[in-house]
Amino acid sequence: MLHGKRILLVIGGGIAAYKSLELIRRLQDRGARVRAILTKAGTEFVTPLSV
């Protein structure tokens, strides 16, 4: 369904940043190519290595 699609996900400084990691994994499982951008405030919730 998402095979070959390219998705840009910007992760900001909010509690929903935790859920973005699961979202990335699910999108990749469905064949999407995901590029994530983490804001400085977002690093308070997730680490750059986890993205």
N, C-alpha and C. Protein backbone atom coordinates (compact mmCIF):
# COMPACT_ATOMS: atom_id res chain seq x y z
N MET A 1 0.82 -1.20 0.00
CA MET A 1 0.00 0.00 0.00
C MET A 1 0.87 1.26 0.00
N LEU A 2 1.87 1.28 0.84
CA LEU A 2 2.76 2.45 0.90
C LEU A 2 4.10 2.18 0.23
N HIS A 3 4.21 1.06 -0.46
CA HIS A 3 5.48 0.67 -1.07
C HIS A 3 5.99 1.76 -2.01
N GLY A 4 7.22 2.21 -1.74
CA GLY A 4 7.84 3.21 -2.59
C GLY A 4 7.49 4.65 -2.24
N LYS A 5 6.57 4.86 -1.33
CA LYS A 5 6.21 6.23 -0.93
C LYS A 5 7.31 6.78 -0.04
N ARG A 6 7.55 8.08 -0.17
CA ARG A 6 8.53 8.76 0.67
C ARG A 6 7.78 9.69 1.61
N ILE A 7 8.09 9.58 2.89
CA ILE A 7 7.39 10.36 3.92
C ILE A 7 8.42 11.12 4.74
N LEU A 8 8.17 12.40 4.93
CA LEU A 8 9.00 13.24 5.79
C LEU A 8 8.20 13.50 7.06
N LEU A 9 8.77 13.12 8.20
CA LEU A 9 8.09 13.28 9.48
C LEU A 9 8.92 14.21 10.36
N VAL A 10 8.32 15.30 10.78
CA VAL A 10 8.99 16.24 11.68
C VAL A 10 8.50 15.98 13.09
N ILE A 11 9.44 15.71 14.00
CA ILE A 11 9.11 15.37 15.38
C ILE A 11 9.46 16.56 16.26
N GLY A 12 8.45 17.14 16.86
CA GLY A 12 8.64 18.31 17.71
C GLY A 12 8.66 17.95 19.18
N GLY A 13 8.71 18.98 19.99
CA GLY A 13 8.82 18.80 21.42
C GLY A 13 7.49 18.65 22.10
N GLY A 14 6.93 17.49 22.04
CA GLY A 14 5.67 17.19 22.71
C GLY A 14 5.64 15.73 23.11
N ILE A 15 4.71 15.41 23.96
CA ILE A 15 4.62 14.04 24.46
C ILE A 15 4.33 13.05 23.33
N ALA A 16 3.74 13.51 22.24
CA ALA A 16 3.45 12.63 21.11
C ALA A 16 4.72 12.17 20.40
N ALA A 17 5.85 12.76 20.71
CA ALA A 17 7.11 12.35 20.10
C ALA A 17 7.40 10.87 20.39
N TYR A 18 6.97 10.38 21.55
CA TYR A 18 7.16 8.97 21.87
C TYR A 18 6.44 8.08 20.87
N LYS A 19 5.24 8.47 20.49
CA LYS A 19 4.44 7.67 19.55
C LYS A 19 5.00 7.72 18.14
N SER A 20 5.78 8.74 17.83
CA SER A 20 6.32 8.86 16.47
C SER A 20 7.25 7.70 16.13
N LEU A 21 7.93 7.14 17.13
CA LEU A 21 8.82 6.02 16.88
C LEU A 21 8.04 4.80 16.41
N GLU A 22 6.90 4.56 17.02
CA GLU A 22 6.04 3.45 16.60
C GLU A 22 5.46 3.73 15.21
N LEU A 23 5.10 4.97 14.96
CA LEU A 23 4.56 5.34 13.65
C LEU A 23 5.59 5.10 12.54
N ILE A 24 6.83 5.48 12.79
CA ILE A 24 7.89 5.26 11.81
C ILE A 24 8.04 3.78 11.51
N ARG A 25 8.07 2.97 12.56
CA ARG A 25 8.22 1.52 12.38
C ARG A 25 7.07 0.95 11.56
N ARG A 26 5.85 1.35 11.87
CA ARG A 26 4.68 0.83 11.14
C ARG A 26 4.68 1.26 9.67
N LEU A 27 5.08 2.49 9.42
CA LEU A 27 5.15 2.96 8.04
C LEU A 27 6.20 2.18 7.25
N GLN A 28 7.34 1.94 7.88
CA GLN A 28 8.40 1.18 7.22
C GLN A 28 7.97 -0.27 6.98
N ASP A 29 7.24 -0.85 7.92
CA ASP A 29 6.73 -2.21 7.74
C ASP A 29 5.81 -2.32 6.54
N ARG A 30 5.16 -1.22 6.19
CA ARG A 30 4.24 -1.20 5.05
C ARG A 30 4.92 -0.74 3.76
N GLY A 31 6.24 -0.59 3.81
CA GLY A 31 6.99 -0.31 2.60
C GLY A 31 7.34 1.14 2.34
N ALA A 32 7.00 2.04 3.23
CA ALA A 32 7.31 3.45 3.04
C ALA A 32 8.76 3.73 3.41
N ARG A 33 9.32 4.72 2.74
CA ARG A 33 10.65 5.22 3.09
C ARG A 33 10.44 6.47 3.94
N VAL A 34 10.87 6.41 5.18
CA VAL A 34 10.60 7.50 6.13
C VAL A 34 11.89 8.22 6.47
N ARG A 35 11.84 9.54 6.35
CA ARG A 35 12.93 10.39 6.82
C ARG A 35 12.37 11.23 7.95
N ALA A 36 13.03 11.20 9.09
CA ALA A 36 12.55 11.94 10.25
C ALA A 36 13.48 13.11 10.54
N ILE A 37 12.88 14.22 10.90
CA ILE A 37 13.62 15.40 11.35
C ILE A 37 13.20 15.65 12.79
N LEU A 38 14.18 15.75 13.65
CA LEU A 38 13.94 15.94 15.08
C LEU A 38 14.32 17.36 15.46
N THR A 39 13.38 18.09 16.03
CA THR A 39 13.69 19.45 16.47
C THR A 39 14.49 19.40 17.77
N LYS A 40 15.08 20.51 18.12
CA LYS A 40 15.85 20.57 19.37
C LYS A 40 14.95 20.24 20.56
N ALA A 41 13.74 20.77 20.56
CA ALA A 41 12.80 20.48 21.65
C ALA A 41 12.40 19.01 21.64
N GLY A 42 12.38 18.40 20.47
CA GLY A 42 12.03 16.99 20.37
C GLY A 42 13.03 16.08 21.04
N THR A 43 14.28 16.54 21.15
CA THR A 43 15.31 15.72 21.79
C THR A 43 15.07 15.57 23.29
N GLU A 44 14.16 16.35 23.84
CA GLU A 44 13.80 16.20 25.25
C GLU A 44 12.95 14.95 25.47
N PHE A 45 12.38 14.41 24.39
CA PHE A 45 11.46 13.28 24.50
C PHE A 45 12.01 12.00 23.86
N VAL A 46 12.74 12.12 22.76
CA VAL A 46 13.37 10.96 22.11
C VAL A 46 14.79 11.34 21.71
N THR A 47 15.63 10.34 21.57
CA THR A 47 17.01 10.61 21.18
C THR A 47 17.16 10.51 19.66
N PRO A 48 18.11 11.22 19.10
CA PRO A 48 18.33 11.13 17.65
C PRO A 48 18.64 9.71 17.18
N LEU A 49 19.31 8.92 17.99
CA LEU A 49 19.63 7.54 17.59
C LEU A 49 18.40 6.65 17.52
N SER A 50 17.39 6.95 18.30
CA SER A 50 16.18 6.12 18.27
C SER A 50 15.34 6.40 17.03
N VAL A 51 15.56 7.56 16.42
CA VAL A 51 14.83 7.91 15.20
C VAL A 51 15.61 7.38 14.03
